Amino acid sequence: MIPFSLVLLWKNEKKLVTYAKCMEQAKKVFKRIELDKALDENEYVLVSGQGRTTNEQDICDHEFGATVQDSYRLVRTVEMWQW
């Protein structure tokens, strides 16, 4: 059991280190942009922007009769409680 745990721990730590290195590299090369204009110089470049999204169409879940306005996603979470 201990050898299996050590391998699992090592693989998990390796994945976290790889992710951290990837994020550090991304922080060095990303470029902040304005969202109201698209430029050809930003083609194939990692970009970051901040803004407000809008959606004119309502998102509906017909099975439960739920409608969400001005949203980009509707997530249904169903739970069953059993005695």
Protein backbone atom coordinates (compact mmCIF):
# COMPACT_ATOMS: atom_id res chain seq x y z
CA MET A 1 0.00 0.00 0.00
CA ILE A 2 2.82 2.41 0.84
CA PRO A 3 4.61 2.06 -2.55
CA PHE A 4 1.34 2.78 -4.36
CA SER A 5 0.77 5.85 -2.16
CA LEU A 6 4.28 7.15 -2.85
CA VAL A 7 3.85 6.80 -6.60
CA LEU A 8 0.48 8.54 -6.44
CA LEU A 9 1.91 11.35 -4.32
CA TRP A 10 4.90 11.78 -6.66
CA LYS A 11 2.69 11.95 -9.76
CA ASN A 12 0.39 14.49 -8.10
CA GLU A 13 3.30 16.70 -7.04
CA LYS A 14 4.82 16.48 -10.53
CA LYS A 15 1.51 17.60 -12.05
CA LEU A 16 1.32 20.58 -9.67
CA VAL A 17 4.90 21.64 -10.46
CA THR A 18 4.22 21.39 -14.20
CA TYR A 19 1.07 23.50 -13.80
CA ALA A 20 2.93 26.12 -11.73
CA LYS A 21 5.69 26.38 -14.37
CA CYS A 22 3.08 26.74 -17.11
CA MET A 23 1.31 29.54 -15.23
CA GLU A 24 4.60 31.37 -14.59
CA GLN A 25 5.42 31.24 -18.31
CA ALA A 26 1.93 32.48 -19.18
CA LYS A 27 2.29 35.43 -16.78
CA LYS A 28 5.48 36.44 -18.58
CA VAL A 29 4.11 36.37 -22.13
CA PHE A 30 0.44 37.37 -21.89
CA LYS A 31 -0.74 40.70 -23.21
CA ARG A 32 -3.58 42.85 -21.82
CA ILE A 33 -6.00 44.08 -24.46
CA GLU A 34 -9.03 46.32 -24.80
CA LEU A 35 -12.07 44.26 -25.72
CA ASP A 36 -13.81 46.87 -27.89
CA LYS A 37 -11.36 46.53 -30.78
CA ALA A 38 -9.73 43.51 -32.40
CA LEU A 39 -6.17 43.91 -33.71
CA ASP A 40 -4.32 41.64 -36.12
CA GLU A 41 -1.18 41.90 -33.99
CA ASN A 42 -2.93 39.86 -31.27
CA GLU A 43 -3.39 36.87 -33.56
CA TYR A 44 -1.91 33.71 -31.95
CA VAL A 45 -0.95 35.61 -28.79
CA LEU A 46 -2.06 34.84 -25.23
CA VAL A 47 -4.30 37.77 -24.30
CA SER A 48 -6.21 38.91 -21.24
CA GLY A 49 -9.14 41.28 -21.09
CA GLN A 50 -11.84 42.34 -18.72
CA GLY A 51 -15.37 43.35 -19.56
CA ARG A 52 -19.06 42.68 -19.21
CA THR A 53 -20.87 40.04 -21.23
CA THR A 54 -24.45 40.30 -22.43
CA ASN A 55 -26.87 37.85 -23.95
CA GLU A 56 -30.10 38.96 -25.59
CA GLN A 57 -31.62 35.47 -25.64
CA ASP A 58 -33.05 33.91 -22.50
CA ILE A 59 -31.65 30.53 -21.51
CA CYS A 60 -34.40 28.05 -20.68
CA ASP A 61 -34.59 24.68 -18.98
CA HIS A 62 -37.92 23.41 -20.28
CA GLU A 63 -37.98 20.34 -18.06
CA PHE A 64 -37.99 22.40 -14.85
CA GLY A 65 -39.50 25.59 -16.27
CA ALA A 66 -36.50 27.72 -15.32
CA THR A 67 -35.54 30.77 -17.39
CA VAL A 68 -32.44 32.92 -16.91
CA GLN A 69 -32.07 36.36 -18.47
CA ASP A 70 -28.77 37.98 -19.51
CA SER A 71 -26.65 34.97 -18.60
CA TYR A 72 -24.12 32.86 -20.47
CA ARG A 73 -24.81 29.53 -18.77
CA LEU A 74 -27.52 27.62 -16.94
CA VAL A 75 -26.39 24.66 -14.86
CA ARG A 76 -28.84 22.07 -13.59
CA THR A 77 -27.85 20.20 -10.45
CA VAL A 78 -30.17 17.37 -9.49
CA GLU A 79 -29.91 15.74 -6.09
CA MET A 80 -31.85 12.75 -4.81
CA TRP A 81 -32.39 12.22 -1.13
CA GLN A 82 -33.26 8.69 -0.14
CA TRP A 83 -34.38 7.32 3.20
